[in-house]
N, C-alpha and C. Protein backbone atom coordinates (compact mmCIF):
# COMPACT_ATOMS: atom_id res chain seq x y z
N MET A 1 8.04 4.29 9.11
CA MET A 1 7.56 3.61 9.50
C MET A 1 8.46 2.07 9.18
N GLU A 2 7.95 0.92 10.05
CA GLU A 2 8.69 -0.07 9.81
C GLU A 2 7.76 -0.88 8.95
N VAL A 3 8.14 -2.13 8.44
CA VAL A 3 7.05 -2.93 7.55
C VAL A 3 7.51 -4.28 7.84
N GLU A 4 6.95 -4.88 7.71
CA GLU A 4 6.94 -7.09 7.79
C GLU A 4 6.15 -6.94 6.92
N PHE A 5 6.83 -8.29 6.11
CA PHE A 5 6.05 -8.93 4.92
C PHE A 5 6.70 -10.20 4.89
N ASP A 6 5.92 -11.07 4.19
CA ASP A 6 6.10 -12.55 3.78
C ASP A 6 7.19 -12.64 2.42
N GLU A 7 8.26 -13.07 2.80
CA GLU A 7 9.37 -13.12 1.76
C GLU A 7 8.50 -13.75 0.30
N ALA A 8 8.04 -14.90 0.05
CA ALA A 8 7.27 -15.62 -0.91
C ALA A 8 6.15 -14.32 -1.48
N LYS A 9 5.42 -13.60 -0.81
CA LYS A 9 4.33 -12.54 -0.94
C LYS A 9 5.36 -11.50 -1.90
N ASP A 10 6.71 -11.24 -1.13
CA ASP A 10 7.51 -10.23 -1.63
C ASP A 10 7.60 -10.27 -3.37
N ALA A 11 8.35 -11.78 -3.25
CA ALA A 11 8.48 -12.16 -4.66
C ALA A 11 7.12 -12.48 -5.70
N THR A 12 6.53 -12.42 -5.25
CA THR A 12 5.33 -12.82 -6.34
C THR A 12 4.89 -10.86 -6.44
N ASN A 13 5.05 -10.31 -5.81
CA ASN A 13 4.61 -8.84 -5.74
C ASN A 13 5.77 -8.03 -6.85
N ARG A 14 7.18 -8.78 -6.68
CA ARG A 14 8.07 -8.06 -7.40
C ARG A 14 7.79 -8.82 -8.87
N SER A 15 7.43 -10.23 -8.90
CA SER A 15 7.04 -10.62 -10.02
C SER A 15 6.00 -9.63 -10.85
N LYS A 16 4.64 -9.82 -10.20
CA LYS A 16 3.49 -9.20 -11.16
C LYS A 16 3.77 -7.68 -11.45
N HIS A 17 4.27 -7.07 -9.97
CA HIS A 17 4.37 -5.60 -9.91
C HIS A 17 5.41 -4.70 -10.24
N GLY A 18 6.17 -5.68 -10.22
CA GLY A 18 7.82 -5.00 -10.67
C GLY A 18 8.73 -4.03 -9.46
N ILE A 19 7.82 -4.37 -7.84
CA ILE A 19 8.48 -3.50 -6.77
C ILE A 19 8.30 -4.65 -5.62
N SER A 20 9.49 -4.37 -4.46
CA SER A 20 9.46 -4.87 -3.77
C SER A 20 8.48 -4.11 -2.42
N LEU A 21 8.06 -4.98 -1.42
CA LEU A 21 7.12 -4.84 -0.67
C LEU A 21 8.08 -3.90 0.37
N ALA A 22 9.33 -4.06 0.19
CA ALA A 22 10.11 -3.61 1.37
C ALA A 22 9.88 -1.88 1.40
N LEU A 23 9.78 -1.51 -0.19
CA LEU A 23 9.60 0.01 -0.52
C LEU A 23 8.44 0.64 0.15
N SER A 24 7.43 -0.51 0.76
CA SER A 24 6.08 0.33 1.54
C SER A 24 6.67 1.34 2.40
N ALA A 25 7.97 0.83 3.05
CA ALA A 25 8.24 1.75 4.23
C ALA A 25 8.43 2.98 3.79
N GLU A 26 8.82 3.57 2.61
CA GLU A 26 8.84 4.72 2.42
C GLU A 26 7.87 5.23 1.41
N PHE A 27 7.07 4.81 1.45
CA PHE A 27 5.65 5.40 1.16
C PHE A 27 5.25 6.43 2.49
N ASP A 28 4.69 7.66 1.51
CA ASP A 28 3.94 8.94 2.78
C ASP A 28 2.84 8.53 2.89
N PHE A 29 2.67 8.09 3.96
CA PHE A 29 1.50 7.80 4.70
C PHE A 29 0.57 9.20 5.31
N ASP A 30 1.34 10.03 5.47
CA ASP A 30 0.73 11.61 5.83
C ASP A 30 -0.08 12.01 4.82
N THR A 31 0.18 11.90 3.27
CA THR A 31 -0.68 12.90 2.47
C THR A 31 -1.67 11.88 1.63
N CYS A 32 -1.63 10.88 2.21
CA CYS A 32 -2.50 9.72 1.30
C CYS A 32 -4.17 9.50 1.56
N LEU A 33 -4.69 9.07 0.37
CA LEU A 33 -6.08 8.32 1.15
C LEU A 33 -5.98 6.97 1.48
N TYR A 34 -6.96 6.76 1.99
CA TYR A 34 -7.32 5.63 2.79
C TYR A 34 -8.70 5.21 2.75
N ILE A 35 -8.51 3.78 2.37
CA ILE A 35 -9.87 2.95 1.80
C ILE A 35 -9.94 1.77 3.15
N VAL A 36 -10.73 1.66 4.05
CA VAL A 36 -10.93 0.15 4.37
C VAL A 36 -11.54 -0.93 3.83
N ASP A 37 -10.38 -1.86 3.26
CA ASP A 37 -10.90 -2.87 2.45
C ASP A 37 -11.93 -3.67 3.39
N ASP A 38 -13.11 -3.90 3.44
CA ASP A 38 -14.13 -4.60 4.16
C ASP A 38 -14.81 -5.63 2.83
N SER A 39 -14.54 -5.78 2.05
CA SER A 39 -14.84 -6.53 0.61
C SER A 39 -15.06 -7.81 1.35
N GLN A 40 -14.26 -8.32 2.35
CA GLN A 40 -14.57 -9.63 2.39
C GLN A 40 -13.86 -9.90 4.28
N ASP A 41 -14.03 -11.24 4.72
CA ASP A 41 -13.60 -10.83 6.28
C ASP A 41 -12.10 -11.70 5.94
N TYR A 42 -10.85 -10.56 6.24
CA TYR A 42 -9.59 -11.32 6.44
C TYR A 42 -8.98 -11.49 7.63
N GLY A 43 -10.09 -11.48 8.77
CA GLY A 43 -9.24 -11.74 9.93
C GLY A 43 -9.02 -10.75 10.58
N GLU A 44 -8.37 -9.51 10.02
CA GLU A 44 -7.44 -8.53 10.38
C GLU A 44 -8.22 -6.95 9.65
N ILE A 45 -8.00 -5.81 9.72
CA ILE A 45 -8.19 -4.73 9.36
C ILE A 45 -7.24 -4.46 8.03
N ARG A 46 -7.62 -4.57 7.04
CA ARG A 46 -6.72 -3.99 5.72
C ARG A 46 -6.95 -2.77 5.26
N ILE A 47 -5.87 -1.97 4.76
CA ILE A 47 -6.32 -0.83 4.18
C ILE A 47 -5.70 -0.55 2.73
N ILE A 48 -6.22 0.38 2.01
CA ILE A 48 -5.77 0.57 0.82
C ILE A 48 -5.62 1.88 0.59
N ALA A 49 -4.53 2.57 0.41
CA ALA A 49 -4.16 3.73 0.19
C ALA A 49 -3.50 4.36 -1.09
N VAL A 50 -3.85 5.41 -1.21
CA VAL A 50 -3.15 6.14 -2.40
C VAL A 50 -2.47 7.28 -2.34
N GLY A 51 -1.29 7.18 -2.87
CA GLY A 51 -0.41 8.41 -2.25
C GLY A 51 1.03 8.07 -2.84
N PHE A 52 1.89 8.87 -2.20
CA PHE A 52 3.15 8.89 -3.10
C PHE A 52 4.37 7.86 -2.49
N LEU A 53 5.42 7.69 -3.42
CA LEU A 53 6.33 6.79 -3.15
C LEU A 53 7.30 7.19 -3.96
N ARG A 54 8.38 7.88 -3.53
CA ARG A 54 9.38 8.17 -4.66
C ARG A 54 8.92 9.27 -5.98
N ALA A 55 7.58 10.17 -5.63
CA ALA A 55 7.26 11.10 -6.42
C ALA A 55 6.57 10.59 -7.37
N THR A 56 5.98 9.47 -7.00
CA THR A 56 5.11 8.61 -8.03
C THR A 56 3.91 8.08 -7.19
N LEU A 57 3.00 8.20 -7.77
CA LEU A 57 1.73 7.55 -6.85
C LEU A 57 1.66 6.16 -6.76
N HIS A 58 1.27 5.65 -5.72
CA HIS A 58 1.41 4.01 -5.74
C HIS A 58 0.31 3.75 -4.69
N VAL A 59 -0.35 2.51 -4.80
CA VAL A 59 -1.41 2.02 -3.98
C VAL A 59 -0.54 0.55 -3.38
N PRO A 60 -0.33 0.86 -2.07
CA PRO A 60 0.06 -0.40 -1.05
C PRO A 60 -1.59 -0.56 -0.07
N VAL A 61 -1.46 -1.95 -0.11
CA VAL A 61 -2.55 -2.67 0.64
C VAL A 61 -1.92 -3.20 2.06
N PHE A 62 -2.10 -2.82 3.26
CA PHE A 62 -1.32 -3.35 4.36
C PHE A 62 -2.46 -3.24 5.30
N SER A 63 -1.86 -3.98 6.55
CA SER A 63 -2.57 -4.28 7.97
C SER A 63 -1.40 -3.88 8.81
N PRO A 64 -2.22 -2.57 9.63
CA PRO A 64 -1.56 -1.85 10.76
C PRO A 64 -0.98 -3.06 11.78
N ARG A 65 -0.05 -3.04 12.39
CA ARG A 65 0.05 -3.66 13.51
C ARG A 65 0.27 -2.83 14.57
N ASN A 66 0.56 -1.87 14.57
CA ASN A 66 0.41 -0.31 15.83
C ASN A 66 1.05 0.67 15.14
N GLU A 67 1.45 1.74 16.27
CA GLU A 67 1.26 3.00 15.49
C GLU A 67 2.72 3.23 14.66
N GLU A 68 3.52 2.08 14.99
CA GLU A 68 5.11 2.34 14.45
C GLU A 68 5.47 1.23 13.58
N LYS A 69 4.35 -0.03 13.55
CA LYS A 69 4.62 -1.01 12.23
C LYS A 69 3.30 -1.65 11.36
N PHE A 70 3.43 -2.21 10.03
CA PHE A 70 2.25 -2.43 9.44
C PHE A 70 3.07 -3.50 8.82
N ARG A 71 1.74 -4.70 8.43
CA ARG A 71 2.40 -5.58 7.83
C ARG A 71 2.18 -5.11 5.93
N ALA A 72 3.35 -5.13 5.17
CA ALA A 72 2.85 -4.84 3.83
C ALA A 72 1.98 -6.44 3.12
N ILE A 73 1.00 -6.13 2.38
CA ILE A 73 0.16 -7.37 1.34
C ILE A 73 0.52 -6.90 0.53
N MET A 74 0.72 -5.87 -0.21
CA MET A 74 0.61 -5.60 -1.87
C MET A 74 1.27 -3.95 -2.23
N LEU A 75 1.77 -3.84 -3.46
CA LEU A 75 2.38 -2.43 -3.48
C LEU A 75 2.55 -2.45 -4.99
N ARG A 76 1.93 -1.07 -5.46
CA ARG A 76 1.50 -1.48 -7.18
C ARG A 76 1.63 0.06 -7.49
N LYS A 77 1.96 0.42 -8.79
CA LYS A 77 1.96 1.76 -9.00
C LYS A 77 0.19 2.04 -8.89
N ALA A 78 -0.08 3.43 -9.27
CA ALA A 78 -1.63 3.48 -9.21
C ALA A 78 -2.05 3.54 -10.45
N THR A 79 -3.30 2.83 -10.64
CA THR A 79 -4.00 3.11 -12.49
C THR A 79 -3.78 4.73 -12.43
N PRO A 80 -4.53 4.70 -13.75
CA PRO A 80 -5.12 6.32 -14.49
C PRO A 80 -6.47 6.68 -13.15
N HIS A 81 -7.18 5.75 -13.61
CA HIS A 81 -8.56 6.15 -12.31
C HIS A 81 -8.18 6.54 -10.76
N GLU A 82 -7.27 5.45 -10.50
CA GLU A 82 -6.38 6.07 -8.97
C GLU A 82 -5.82 7.55 -8.88
N ARG A 83 -5.10 8.04 -9.93
CA ARG A 83 -4.36 8.81 -9.95
C ARG A 83 -5.43 10.11 -9.92
N LYS A 84 -6.48 10.11 -10.87
CA LYS A 84 -7.60 10.84 -11.10
C LYS A 84 -8.34 11.10 -9.83
N LYS A 85 -8.44 10.27 -9.29
CA LYS A 85 -9.36 10.39 -7.64
C LYS A 85 -8.36 10.95 -6.76
N TYR A 86 -7.32 10.63 -6.72
CA TYR A 86 -6.02 11.20 -5.83
C TYR A 86 -6.09 12.70 -6.11
N ALA A 87 -6.12 13.16 -7.41
CA ALA A 87 -6.12 14.33 -7.54
C ALA A 87 -7.38 14.91 -7.12
N GLU A 88 -8.41 14.47 -7.66
CA GLU A 88 -9.70 15.42 -6.86
C GLU A 88 -9.81 15.56 -5.75
N GLU A 89 -9.35 14.63 -4.85
CA GLU A 89 -9.30 14.99 -3.51
C GLU A 89 -8.17 15.78 -2.52
N PHE A 90 -7.15 15.80 -3.80
CA PHE A 90 -5.83 17.01 -3.42
C PHE A 90 -6.01 18.13 -4.17
């Protein structure tokens, strides 16, 4: 899947979470948990996912563009709580 992202946001994500938004393209979207983030009006659909990236659970936040493309907003490793929730679901 193709990913787009803001370069400044990528720099912030690398500084804060130690990972580039570009790696979102490698995320396993087929076996993840999806949560629609409707906590506020973003002016677009935002999805939080929990799933695997390179054999480690990660959490990307993204906005779908179409079936082939999405905009990465954030990417980080999953917390212990998120890992437990994922294990309970699968």
